[in-house]
């Protein structure tokens, strides 16, 4: 179980690392993504004041953690319908909780 969590975390984070974090040419496109717009609108964060590399790294770690926890929890159940139900029940609150923690952190940091 712990091994599956670590492997899924590493796979998701490495994918995010190579497709977003290391692609500095795509930061302008990333600034217009739904994730960034969520933080801009909800927490009134100025994207131009952010260190984009650090911000993308924080989001990558958070998204990897969210997906890995949901994957590990659903992996423990055999029934497909129950897996989908548990995945949704875990995924949505995790996104809101972790994104609110990141948003409050960035709000304090950008002042």
PDB file of N, CA and C in Angstrom:
ATOM      1  N   UNK A   1       0.821  -1.181   0.000  1.00  0.00           N
ATOM      2  CA  UNK A   1       0.000   0.000   0.000  1.00  0.00           C
ATOM      3  C   UNK A   1       0.877   1.261   0.000  1.00  0.00           C
ATOM      4  N   UNK A   2       1.835   1.334   0.883  1.00  0.00           N
ATOM      5  CA  UNK A   2       2.729   2.487   0.932  1.00  0.00           C
ATOM      6  C   UNK A   2       3.590   2.547  -0.328  1.00  0.00           C
ATOM      7  N   UNK A   3       3.991   1.391  -0.801  1.00  0.00           N
ATOM      8  CA  UNK A   3       4.782   1.321  -2.030  1.00  0.00           C
ATOM      9  C   UNK A   3       3.981   1.850  -3.223  1.00  0.00           C
ATOM     10  N   UNK A   4       2.709   1.472  -3.303  1.00  0.00           N
ATOM     11  CA  UNK A   4       1.836   1.953  -4.373  1.00  0.00           C
ATOM     12  C   UNK A   4       1.643   3.463  -4.311  1.00  0.00           C
ATOM     13  N   UNK A   5       1.521   3.999  -3.090  1.00  0.00           N
ATOM     14  CA  UNK A   5       1.381   5.442  -2.913  1.00  0.00           C
ATOM     15  C   UNK A   5       2.638   6.167  -3.399  1.00  0.00           C
ATOM     16  N   UNK A   6       3.789   5.674  -3.001  1.00  0.00           N
ATOM     17  CA  UNK A   6       5.055   6.317  -3.381  1.00  0.00           C
ATOM     18  C   UNK A   6       5.271   6.245  -4.892  1.00  0.00           C
ATOM     19  N   UNK A   7       4.997   5.100  -5.477  1.00  0.00           N
ATOM     20  CA  UNK A   7       5.168   4.946  -6.929  1.00  0.00           C
ATOM     21  C   UNK A   7       4.216   5.874  -7.685  1.00  0.00           C
ATOM     22  N   UNK A   8       2.954   5.912  -7.279  1.00  0.00           N
ATOM     23  CA  UNK A   8       1.996   6.787  -7.972  1.00  0.00           C
ATOM     24  C   UNK A   8       2.362   8.253  -7.781  1.00  0.00           C
ATOM     25  N   UNK A   9       2.828   8.617  -6.601  1.00  0.00           N
ATOM     26  CA  UNK A   9       3.255   9.997  -6.347  1.00  0.00           C
ATOM     27  C   UNK A   9       4.416  10.371  -7.265  1.00  0.00           C
ATOM     28  N   UNK A  10       5.403   9.498  -7.348  1.00  0.00           N
ATOM     29  CA  UNK A  10       6.568   9.774  -8.198  1.00  0.00           C
ATOM     30  C   UNK A  10       6.202   9.847  -9.671  1.00  0.00           C
ATOM     31  N   UNK A  11       5.341   8.964 -10.127  1.00  0.00           N
ATOM     32  CA  UNK A  11       4.941   8.980 -11.542  1.00  0.00           C
ATOM     33  C   UNK A  11       4.225  10.283 -11.880  1.00  0.00           C
ATOM     34  N   UNK A  12       3.264  10.666 -11.049  1.00  0.00           N
ATOM     35  CA  UNK A  12       2.501  11.889 -11.320  1.00  0.00           C
ATOM     36  C   UNK A  12       3.401  13.113 -11.222  1.00  0.00           C
ATOM     37  N   UNK A  13       4.257  13.162 -10.201  1.00  0.00           N
ATOM     38  CA  UNK A  13       5.124  14.327 -10.036  1.00  0.00           C
ATOM     39  C   UNK A  13       6.140  14.435 -11.180  1.00  0.00           C
ATOM     40  N   UNK A  14       6.729  13.326 -11.569  1.00  0.00           N
ATOM     41  CA  UNK A  14       7.696  13.370 -12.673  1.00  0.00           C
ATOM     42  C   UNK A  14       7.028  13.777 -13.982  1.00  0.00           C
ATOM     43  N   UNK A  15       5.816  13.306 -14.215  1.00  0.00           N
ATOM     44  CA  UNK A  15       5.080  13.735 -15.400  1.00  0.00           C
ATOM     45  C   UNK A  15       4.840  15.244 -15.366  1.00  0.00           C
ATOM     46  N   UNK A  16       4.412  15.746 -14.216  1.00  0.00           N
ATOM     47  CA  UNK A  16       4.175  17.184 -14.059  1.00  0.00           C
ATOM     48  C   UNK A  16       5.487  17.968 -14.180  1.00  0.00           C
ATOM     49  N   UNK A  17       6.546  17.402 -13.662  1.00  0.00           N
ATOM     50  CA  UNK A  17       7.855  18.052 -13.733  1.00  0.00           C
ATOM     51  C   UNK A  17       8.288  18.256 -15.176  1.00  0.00           C
ATOM     52  N   UNK A  18       8.174  17.207 -15.971  1.00  0.00           N
ATOM     53  CA  UNK A  18       8.644  17.298 -17.355  1.00  0.00           C
ATOM     54  C   UNK A  18       7.685  18.059 -18.267  1.00  0.00           C
ATOM     55  N   UNK A  19       6.397  18.068 -17.955  1.00  0.00           N
ATOM     56  CA  UNK A  19       5.445  18.741 -18.836  1.00  0.00           C
ATOM     57  C   UNK A  19       5.144  20.179 -18.444  1.00  0.00           C
ATOM     58  N   UNK A  20       5.379  20.558 -17.188  1.00  0.00           N
ATOM     59  CA  UNK A  20       5.040  21.919 -16.757  1.00  0.00           C
ATOM     60  C   UNK A  20       6.227  22.651 -16.145  1.00  0.00           C
ATOM     61  N   UNK A  21       6.832  22.096 -15.122  1.00  0.00           N
ATOM     62  CA  UNK A  21       7.836  22.819 -14.342  1.00  0.00           C
ATOM     63  C   UNK A  21       9.078  23.146 -15.168  1.00  0.00           C
ATOM     64  N   UNK A  22       9.571  22.196 -15.909  1.00  0.00           N
ATOM     65  CA  UNK A  22      10.798  22.422 -16.676  1.00  0.00           C
ATOM     66  C   UNK A  22      10.557  23.145 -17.998  1.00  0.00           C
ATOM     67  N   UNK A  23       9.315  23.332 -18.383  1.00  0.00           N
ATOM     68  CA  UNK A  23       8.976  24.009 -19.639  1.00  0.00           C
ATOM     69  C   UNK A  23       8.799  25.508 -19.381  1.00  0.00           C
ATOM     70  N   UNK A  24       9.891  26.225 -19.178  1.00  0.00           N
ATOM     71  CA  UNK A  24       9.801  27.649 -18.845  1.00  0.00           C
ATOM     72  C   UNK A  24       9.226  28.469 -19.992  1.00  0.00           C
ATOM     73  N   UNK A  25       9.311  27.982 -21.205  1.00  0.00           N
ATOM     74  CA  UNK A  25       8.747  28.705 -22.344  1.00  0.00           C
ATOM     75  C   UNK A  25       7.224  28.713 -22.298  1.00  0.00           C
ATOM     76  N   UNK A  26       6.641  27.768 -21.615  1.00  0.00           N
ATOM     77  CA  UNK A  26       5.182  27.641 -21.547  1.00  0.00           C
ATOM     78  C   UNK A  26       4.578  28.331 -20.322  1.00  0.00           C
ATOM     79  N   UNK A  27       5.347  29.081 -19.555  1.00  0.00           N
ATOM     80  CA  UNK A  27       4.825  29.716 -18.352  1.00  0.00           C
ATOM     81  C   UNK A  27       3.723  30.720 -18.672  1.00  0.00           C
ATOM     82  N   UNK A  28       3.807  31.408 -19.812  1.00  0.00           N
ATOM     83  CA  UNK A  28       2.744  32.345 -20.180  1.00  0.00           C
ATOM     84  C   UNK A  28       1.432  31.609 -20.402  1.00  0.00           C
ATOM     85  N   UNK A  29       1.502  30.453 -21.024  1.00  0.00           N
ATOM     86  CA  UNK A  29       0.310  29.630 -21.236  1.00  0.00           C
ATOM     87  C   UNK A  29      -0.192  29.081 -19.896  1.00  0.00           C
ATOM     88  N   UNK A  30       0.738  28.710 -19.022  1.00  0.00           N
ATOM     89  CA  UNK A  30       0.372  28.174 -17.709  1.00  0.00           C
ATOM     90  C   UNK A  30      -0.322  29.237 -16.860  1.00  0.00           C
ATOM     91  N   UNK A  31       0.104  30.499 -17.003  1.00  0.00           N
ATOM     92  CA  UNK A  31      -0.513  31.586 -16.231  1.00  0.00           C
ATOM     93  C   UNK A  31      -1.983  31.761 -16.550  1.00  0.00           C
ATOM     94  N   UNK A  32      -2.419  31.278 -17.703  1.00  0.00           N
ATOM     95  CA  UNK A  32      -3.817  31.405 -18.114  1.00  0.00           C
ATOM     96  C   UNK A  32      -4.620  30.130 -17.862  1.00  0.00           C
ATOM     97  N   UNK A  33      -3.999  29.148 -17.231  1.00  0.00           N
ATOM     98  CA  UNK A  33      -4.689  27.875 -16.993  1.00  0.00           C
ATOM     99  C   UNK A  33      -5.736  28.020 -15.889  1.00  0.00           C
ATOM    100  N   UNK A  34      -6.613  27.040 -15.805  1.00  0.00           N
ATOM    101  CA  UNK A  34      -7.687  27.059 -14.807  1.00  0.00           C
ATOM    102  C   UNK A  34      -7.152  27.035 -13.382  1.00  0.00           C
ATOM    103  N   UNK A  35      -6.085  26.310 -13.150  1.00  0.00           N
ATOM    104  CA  UNK A  35      -5.509  26.245 -11.809  1.00  0.00           C
ATOM    105  C   UNK A  35      -5.066  27.619 -11.344  1.00  0.00           C
ATOM    106  N   UNK A  36      -4.335  28.315 -12.199  1.00  0.00           N
ATOM    107  CA  UNK A  36      -3.812  29.633 -11.833  1.00  0.00           C
ATOM    108  C   UNK A  36      -4.961  30.632 -11.703  1.00  0.00           C
ATOM    109  N   UNK A  37      -5.925  30.575 -12.607  1.00  0.00           N
ATOM    110  CA  UNK A  37      -7.064  31.496 -12.549  1.00  0.00           C
ATOM    111  C   UNK A  37      -7.880  31.294 -11.267  1.00  0.00           C
ATOM    112  N   UNK A  38      -7.930  30.076 -10.769  1.00  0.00           N
ATOM    113  CA  UNK A  38      -8.605  29.805  -9.495  1.00  0.00           C
ATOM    114  C   UNK A  38      -7.951  30.603  -8.378  1.00  0.00           C
ATOM    115  N   UNK A  39      -6.631  30.577  -8.315  1.00  0.00           N
ATOM    116  CA  UNK A  39      -5.921  31.316  -7.271  1.00  0.00           C
ATOM    117  C   UNK A  39      -6.020  32.820  -7.468  1.00  0.00           C
ATOM    118  N   UNK A  40      -6.006  33.264  -8.704  1.00  0.00           N
ATOM    119  CA  UNK A  40      -6.107  34.699  -8.993  1.00  0.00           C
ATOM    120  C   UNK A  40      -7.477  35.230  -8.577  1.00  0.00           C
ATOM    121  N   UNK A  41      -8.532  34.519  -8.936  1.00  0.00           N
ATOM    122  CA  UNK A  41      -9.881  35.000  -8.651  1.00  0.00           C
ATOM    123  C   UNK A  41     -10.277  34.823  -7.189  1.00  0.00           C
ATOM    124  N   UNK A  42      -9.970  33.685  -6.623  1.00  0.00           N
ATOM    125  CA  UNK A  42     -10.416  33.413  -5.259  1.00  0.00           C
ATOM    126  C   UNK A  42      -9.555  34.110  -4.208  1.00  0.00           C
ATOM    127  N   UNK A  43      -8.261  34.145  -4.397  1.00  0.00           N
ATOM    128  CA  UNK A  43      -7.362  34.685  -3.377  1.00  0.00           C
ATOM    129  C   UNK A  43      -6.728  36.019  -3.769  1.00  0.00           C
ATOM    130  N   UNK A  44      -7.131  36.556  -4.908  1.00  0.00           N
ATOM    131  CA  UNK A  44      -6.636  37.861  -5.394  1.00  0.00           C
ATOM    132  C   UNK A  44      -5.114  37.906  -5.439  1.00  0.00           C
ATOM    133  N   UNK A  45      -4.527  36.890  -6.019  1.00  0.00           N
ATOM    134  CA  UNK A  45      -3.073  36.778  -6.106  1.00  0.00           C
ATOM    135  C   UNK A  45      -2.605  37.371  -7.425  1.00  0.00           C
ATOM    136  N   UNK A  46      -1.581  38.195  -7.354  1.00  0.00           N
ATOM    137  CA  UNK A  46      -0.991  38.771  -8.560  1.00  0.00           C
ATOM    138  C   UNK A  46       0.038  37.785  -9.106  1.00  0.00           C
ATOM    139  N   UNK A  47      -0.228  37.270 -10.274  1.00  0.00           N
ATOM    140  CA  UNK A  47       0.629  36.246 -10.879  1.00  0.00           C
ATOM    141  C   UNK A  47       2.019  36.816 -11.183  1.00  0.00           C
ATOM    142  N   UNK A  48       2.089  38.093 -11.477  1.00  0.00           N
ATOM    143  CA  UNK A  48       3.379  38.695 -11.825  1.00  0.00           C
ATOM    144  C   UNK A  48       4.322  38.793 -10.629  1.00  0.00           C
ATOM    145  N   UNK A  49       3.780  38.762  -9.409  1.00  0.00           N
ATOM    146  CA  UNK A  49       4.625  38.811  -8.211  1.00  0.00           C
ATOM    147  C   UNK A  49       5.135  37.430  -7.792  1.00  0.00           C
ATOM    148  N   UNK A  50       4.565  36.393  -8.389  1.00  0.00           N
ATOM    149  CA  UNK A  50       4.940  35.027  -7.998  1.00  0.00           C
ATOM    150  C   UNK A  50       6.229  34.586  -8.673  1.00  0.00           C
ATOM    151  N   UNK A  51       6.978  33.777  -7.965  1.00  0.00           N
ATOM    152  CA  UNK A  51       8.086  33.051  -8.557  1.00  0.00           C
ATOM    153  C   UNK A  51       7.452  31.838  -9.245  1.00  0.00           C
ATOM    154  N   UNK A  52       7.372  31.891 -10.577  1.00  0.00           N
ATOM    155  CA  UNK A  52       6.630  30.871 -11.310  1.00  0.00           C
ATOM    156  C   UNK A  52       7.188  29.464 -11.127  1.00  0.00           C
ATOM    157  N   UNK A  53       8.483  29.338 -11.052  1.00  0.00           N
ATOM    158  CA  UNK A  53       9.080  28.007 -10.890  1.00  0.00           C
ATOM    159  C   UNK A  53       8.667  27.410  -9.540  1.00  0.00           C
ATOM    160  N   UNK A  54       8.698  28.231  -8.496  1.00  0.00           N
ATOM    161  CA  UNK A  54       8.304  27.764  -7.171  1.00  0.00           C
ATOM    162  C   UNK A  54       6.802  27.444  -7.137  1.00  0.00           C
ATOM    163  N   UNK A  55       6.004  28.298  -7.769  1.00  0.00           N
ATOM    164  CA  UNK A  55       4.554  28.100  -7.800  1.00  0.00           C
ATOM    165  C   UNK A  55       4.186  26.811  -8.534  1.00  0.00           C
ATOM    166  N   UNK A  56       4.798  26.572  -9.681  1.00  0.00           N
ATOM    167  CA  UNK A  56       4.509  25.343 -10.421  1.00  0.00           C
ATOM    168  C   UNK A  56       4.980  24.109  -9.652  1.00  0.00           C
ATOM    169  N   UNK A  57       6.068  24.246  -8.930  1.00  0.00           N
ATOM    170  CA  UNK A  57       6.566  23.141  -8.114  1.00  0.00           C
ATOM    171  C   UNK A  57       5.594  22.832  -6.975  1.00  0.00           C
ATOM    172  N   UNK A  58       5.085  23.877  -6.319  1.00  0.00           N
ATOM    173  CA  UNK A  58       4.115  23.678  -5.244  1.00  0.00           C
ATOM    174  C   UNK A  58       2.855  23.008  -5.784  1.00  0.00           C
ATOM    175  N   UNK A  59       2.372  23.484  -6.928  1.00  0.00           N
ATOM    176  CA  UNK A  59       1.182  22.871  -7.520  1.00  0.00           C
ATOM    177  C   UNK A  59       1.442  21.427  -7.953  1.00  0.00           C
ATOM    178  N   UNK A  60       2.625  21.173  -8.465  1.00  0.00           N
ATOM    179  CA  UNK A  60       2.971  19.814  -8.860  1.00  0.00           C
ATOM    180  C   UNK A  60       2.984  18.860  -7.684  1.00  0.00           C
ATOM    181  N   UNK A  61       3.571  19.300  -6.584  1.00  0.00           N
ATOM    182  CA  UNK A  61       3.591  18.464  -5.381  1.00  0.00           C
ATOM    183  C   UNK A  61       2.178  18.253  -4.839  1.00  0.00           C
ATOM    184  N   UNK A  62       1.379  19.327  -4.827  1.00  0.00           N
ATOM    185  CA  UNK A  62       0.014  19.223  -4.313  1.00  0.00           C
ATOM    186  C   UNK A  62      -0.832  18.293  -5.186  1.00  0.00           C
ATOM    187  N   UNK A  63      -0.758  18.471  -6.487  1.00  0.00           N
ATOM    188  CA  UNK A  63      -1.545  17.615  -7.385  1.00  0.00           C
ATOM    189  C   UNK A  63      -1.103  16.162  -7.300  1.00  0.00           C
ATOM    190  N   UNK A  64       0.183  15.940  -7.162  1.00  0.00           N
ATOM    191  CA  UNK A  64       0.686  14.570  -7.014  1.00  0.00           C
ATOM    192  C   UNK A  64       0.177  13.938  -5.731  1.00  0.00           C
ATOM    193  N   UNK A  65       0.166  14.712  -4.669  1.00  0.00           N
ATOM    194  CA  UNK A  65      -0.332  14.208  -3.390  1.00  0.00           C
ATOM    195  C   UNK A  65      -1.821  13.878  -3.476  1.00  0.00           C
ATOM    196  N   UNK A  66      -2.591  14.759  -4.081  1.00  0.00           N
ATOM    197  CA  UNK A  66      -4.034  14.550  -4.215  1.00  0.00           C
ATOM    198  C   UNK A  66      -4.328  13.287  -5.025  1.00  0.00           C
ATOM    199  N   UNK A  67      -3.696  13.168  -6.163  1.00  0.00           N
ATOM    200  CA  UNK A  67      -3.948  12.012  -7.028  1.00  0.00           C
ATOM    201  C   UNK A  67      -3.470  10.717  -6.379  1.00  0.00           C
ATOM    202  N   UNK A  68      -2.341  10.766  -5.702  1.00  0.00           N
ATOM    203  CA  UNK A  68      -1.808   9.549  -5.063  1.00  0.00           C
ATOM    204  C   UNK A  68      -2.672   9.081  -3.905  1.00  0.00           C
ATOM    205  N   UNK A  69      -3.180  10.014  -3.122  1.00  0.00           N
ATOM    206  CA  UNK A  69      -4.062   9.624  -2.010  1.00  0.00           C
ATOM    207  C   UNK A  69      -5.351   9.012  -2.559  1.00  0.00           C
ATOM    208  N   UNK A  70      -5.923   9.636  -3.574  1.00  0.00           N
ATOM    209  CA  UNK A  70      -7.156   9.103  -4.164  1.00  0.00           C
ATOM    210  C   UNK A  70      -6.908   7.730  -4.802  1.00  0.00           C
ATOM    211  N   UNK A  71      -5.788   7.586  -5.494  1.00  0.00           N
ATOM    212  CA  UNK A  71      -5.457   6.302  -6.118  1.00  0.00           C
ATOM    213  C   UNK A  71      -5.276   5.212  -5.068  1.00  0.00           C
ATOM    214  N   UNK A  72      -4.550   5.523  -4.013  1.00  0.00           N
ATOM    215  CA  UNK A  72      -4.295   4.534  -2.969  1.00  0.00           C
ATOM    216  C   UNK A  72      -5.591   4.123  -2.276  1.00  0.00           C
ATOM    217  N   UNK A  73      -6.471   5.080  -2.019  1.00  0.00           N
ATOM    218  CA  UNK A  73      -7.738   4.756  -1.356  1.00  0.00           C
ATOM    219  C   UNK A  73      -8.627   3.907  -2.244  1.00  0.00           C
ATOM    220  N   UNK A  74      -8.668   4.200  -3.526  1.00  0.00           N
ATOM    221  CA  UNK A  74      -9.526   3.409  -4.421  1.00  0.00           C
ATOM    222  C   UNK A  74      -8.923   2.040  -4.732  1.00  0.00           C
ATOM    223  N   UNK A  75      -7.626   1.933  -4.658  1.00  0.00           N
ATOM    224  CA  UNK A  75      -6.950   0.668  -4.929  1.00  0.00           C
ATOM    225  C   UNK A  75      -7.295  -0.394  -3.882  1.00  0.00           C
ATOM    226  N   UNK A  76      -7.686   0.041  -2.694  1.00  0.00           N
ATOM    227  CA  UNK A  76      -7.986  -0.886  -1.607  1.00  0.00           C
ATOM    228  C   UNK A  76      -9.338  -1.586  -1.764  1.00  0.00           C
ATOM    229  N   UNK A  77     -10.179  -1.071  -2.668  1.00  0.00           N
ATOM    230  CA  UNK A  77     -11.533  -1.607  -2.844  1.00  0.00           C
ATOM    231  C   UNK A  77     -11.596  -2.401  -4.154  1.00  0.00           C
ATOM    232  N   UNK A  78     -12.326  -3.505  -4.129  1.00  0.00           N
ATOM    233  CA  UNK A  78     -12.426  -4.353  -5.317  1.00  0.00           C
ATOM    234  C   UNK A  78     -13.570  -3.968  -6.253  1.00  0.00           C
ATOM    235  N   UNK A  79     -14.640  -3.448  -5.730  1.00  0.00           N
ATOM    236  CA  UNK A  79     -15.829  -3.132  -6.514  1.00  0.00           C
ATOM    237  C   UNK A  79     -15.616  -1.836  -7.300  1.00  0.00           C
ATOM    238  N   UNK A  80     -15.861  -1.866  -8.613  1.00  0.00           N
ATOM    239  CA  UNK A  80     -15.617  -0.710  -9.480  1.00  0.00           C
ATOM    240  C   UNK A  80     -16.496   0.480  -9.115  1.00  0.00           C
ATOM    241  N   UNK A  81     -17.759   0.257  -8.857  1.00  0.00           N
ATOM    242  CA  UNK A  81     -18.674   1.348  -8.502  1.00  0.00           C
ATOM    243  C   UNK A  81     -18.234   1.986  -7.186  1.00  0.00           C
ATOM    244  N   UNK A  82     -17.848   1.162  -6.247  1.00  0.00           N
ATOM    245  CA  UNK A  82     -17.371   1.671  -4.962  1.00  0.00           C
ATOM    246  C   UNK A  82     -16.054   2.437  -5.129  1.00  0.00           C
ATOM    247  N   UNK A  83     -15.194   1.975  -6.024  1.00  0.00           N
ATOM    248  CA  UNK A  83     -13.946   2.685  -6.299  1.00  0.00           C
ATOM    249  C   UNK A  83     -14.217   4.082  -6.831  1.00  0.00           C
ATOM    250  N   UNK A  84     -15.143   4.201  -7.779  1.00  0.00           N
ATOM    251  CA  UNK A  84     -15.493   5.510  -8.331  1.00  0.00           C
ATOM    252  C   UNK A  84     -16.095   6.415  -7.262  1.00  0.00           C
ATOM    253  N   UNK A  85     -16.963   5.863  -6.448  1.00  0.00           N
ATOM    254  CA  UNK A  85     -17.603   6.642  -5.390  1.00  0.00           C
ATOM    255  C   UNK A  85     -16.585   7.122  -4.359  1.00  0.00           C
ATOM    256  N   UNK A  86     -15.732   6.226  -3.924  1.00  0.00           N
ATOM    257  CA  UNK A  86     -14.699   6.594  -2.953  1.00  0.00           C
ATOM    258  C   UNK A  86     -13.725   7.601  -3.556  1.00  0.00           C
ATOM    259  N   UNK A  87     -13.360   7.398  -4.817  1.00  0.00           N
ATOM    260  CA  UNK A  87     -12.462   8.334  -5.484  1.00  0.00           C
ATOM    261  C   UNK A  87     -13.014   9.742  -5.517  1.00  0.00           C
ATOM    262  N   UNK A  88     -14.284   9.882  -5.878  1.00  0.00           N
ATOM    263  CA  UNK A  88     -14.903  11.210  -5.908  1.00  0.00           C
ATOM    264  C   UNK A  88     -15.043  11.813  -4.519  1.00  0.00           C
ATOM    265  N   UNK A  89     -15.426  10.984  -3.560  1.00  0.00           N
ATOM    266  CA  UNK A  89     -15.599  11.472  -2.193  1.00  0.00           C
ATOM    267  C   UNK A  89     -14.268  11.959  -1.618  1.00  0.00           C
ATOM    268  N   UNK A  90     -13.184  11.322  -1.978  1.00  0.00           N
ATOM    269  CA  UNK A  90     -11.870  11.721  -1.469  1.00  0.00           C
ATOM    270  C   UNK A  90     -11.271  12.852  -2.305  1.00  0.00           C
ATOM    271  N   UNK A  91     -11.425  12.782  -3.596  1.00  0.00           N
ATOM    272  CA  UNK A  91     -10.762  13.715  -4.509  1.00  0.00           C
ATOM    273  C   UNK A  91     -11.246  15.157  -4.346  1.00  0.00           C
ATOM    274  N   UNK A  92     -12.528  15.367  -4.340  1.00  0.00           N
ATOM    275  CA  UNK A  92     -13.061  16.734  -4.305  1.00  0.00           C
ATOM    276  C   UNK A  92     -12.706  17.469  -3.010  1.00  0.00           C
ATOM    277  N   UNK A  93     -12.924  16.895  -1.828  1.00  0.00           N
ATOM    278  CA  UNK A  93     -12.509  17.618  -0.613  1.00  0.00           C
ATOM    279  C   UNK A  93     -10.993  17.846  -0.535  1.00  0.00           C
ATOM    280  N   UNK A  94     -10.219  16.872  -1.002  1.00  0.00           N
ATOM    281  CA  UNK A  94      -8.761  17.049  -0.978  1.00  0.00           C
ATOM    282  C   UNK A  94      -8.332  18.234  -1.835  1.00  0.00           C
ATOM    283  N   UNK A  95      -8.921  18.365  -3.002  1.00  0.00           N
ATOM    284  CA  UNK A  95      -8.585  19.485  -3.878  1.00  0.00           C
ATOM    285  C   UNK A  95      -8.898  20.803  -3.176  1.00  0.00           C
ATOM    286  N   UNK A  96     -10.090  20.921  -2.605  1.00  0.00           N
ATOM    287  CA  UNK A  96     -10.466  22.171  -1.952  1.00  0.00           C
ATOM    288  C   UNK A  96      -9.610  22.463  -0.722  1.00  0.00           C
ATOM    289  N   UNK A  97      -9.304  21.453   0.055  1.00  0.00           N
ATOM    290  CA  UNK A  97      -8.498  21.665   1.265  1.00  0.00           C
ATOM    291  C   UNK A  97      -7.071  22.067   0.909  1.00  0.00           C
ATOM    292  N   UNK A  98      -6.445  21.319   0.041  1.00  0.00           N
ATOM    293  CA  UNK A  98      -5.043  21.596  -0.290  1.00  0.00           C
ATOM    294  C   UNK A  98      -4.914  22.895  -1.071  1.00  0.00           C
ATOM    295  N   UNK A  99      -5.829  23.155  -2.002  1.00  0.00           N
ATOM    296  CA  UNK A  99      -5.767  24.416  -2.749  1.00  0.00           C
ATOM    297  C   UNK A  99      -6.032  25.611  -1.847  1.00  0.00           C
ATOM    298  N   UNK A 100      -6.882  25.463  -0.825  1.00  0.00           N
ATOM    299  CA  UNK A 100      -7.099  26.585   0.099  1.00  0.00           C
ATOM    300  C   UNK A 100      -5.859  26.838   0.949  1.00  0.00           C
ATOM    301  N   UNK A 101      -5.167  25.773   1.335  1.00  0.00           N
ATOM    302  CA  UNK A 101      -3.909  25.955   2.071  1.00  0.00           C
ATOM    303  C   UNK A 101      -2.865  26.671   1.210  1.00  0.00           C
ATOM    304  N   UNK A 102      -2.760  26.264  -0.045  1.00  0.00           N
ATOM    305  CA  UNK A 102      -1.819  26.908  -0.964  1.00  0.00           C
ATOM    306  C   UNK A 102      -2.227  28.359  -1.202  1.00  0.00           C
ATOM    307  N   UNK A 103      -3.517  28.602  -1.396  1.00  0.00           N
ATOM    308  CA  UNK A 103      -4.000  29.958  -1.638  1.00  0.00           C
ATOM    309  C   UNK A 103      -3.724  30.890  -0.472  1.00  0.00           C
ATOM    310  N   UNK A 104      -3.965  30.425   0.743  1.00  0.00           N
ATOM    311  CA  UNK A 104      -3.681  31.256   1.920  1.00  0.00           C
ATOM    312  C   UNK A 104      -2.187  31.508   2.074  1.00  0.00           C
ATOM    313  N   UNK A 105      -1.385  30.511   1.785  1.00  0.00           N
ATOM    314  CA  UNK A 105       0.066  30.674   1.839  1.00  0.00           C
ATOM    315  C   UNK A 105       0.530  31.716   0.817  1.00  0.00           C
ATOM    316  N   UNK A 106       0.030  31.612  -0.400  1.00  0.00           N
ATOM    317  CA  UNK A 106       0.431  32.555  -1.452  1.00  0.00           C
ATOM    318  C   UNK A 106      -0.089  33.958  -1.183  1.00  0.00           C
ATOM    319  N   UNK A 107      -1.259  34.060  -0.585  1.00  0.00           N
ATOM    320  CA  UNK A 107      -1.842  35.354  -0.249  1.00  0.00           C
ATOM    321  C   UNK A 107      -0.945  36.093   0.757  1.00  0.00           C
ATOM    322  N   UNK A 108      -0.472  35.367   1.756  1.00  0.00           N
ATOM    323  CA  UNK A 108       0.436  35.970   2.732  1.00  0.00           C
ATOM    324  C   UNK A 108       1.785  36.298   2.103  1.00  0.00           C
ATOM    325  N   UNK A 109       2.235  35.460   1.200  1.00  0.00           N
ATOM    326  CA  UNK A 109       3.539  35.626   0.583  1.00  0.00           C
ATOM    327  C   UNK A 109       3.566  36.802  -0.399  1.00  0.00           C
ATOM    328  N   UNK A 110       2.457  37.071  -1.073  1.00  0.00           N
ATOM    329  CA  UNK A 110       2.402  38.122  -2.102  1.00  0.00           C
ATOM    330  C   UNK A 110       2.159  39.509  -1.542  1.00  0.00           C
ATOM    331  N   UNK A 111       1.862  39.626  -0.281  1.00  0.00           N
ATOM    332  CA  UNK A 111       1.617  40.971   0.272  1.00  0.00           C
ATOM    333  C   UNK A 111       2.867  41.763   0.456  1.00  0.00           C
TER     334      UNK A 111
END
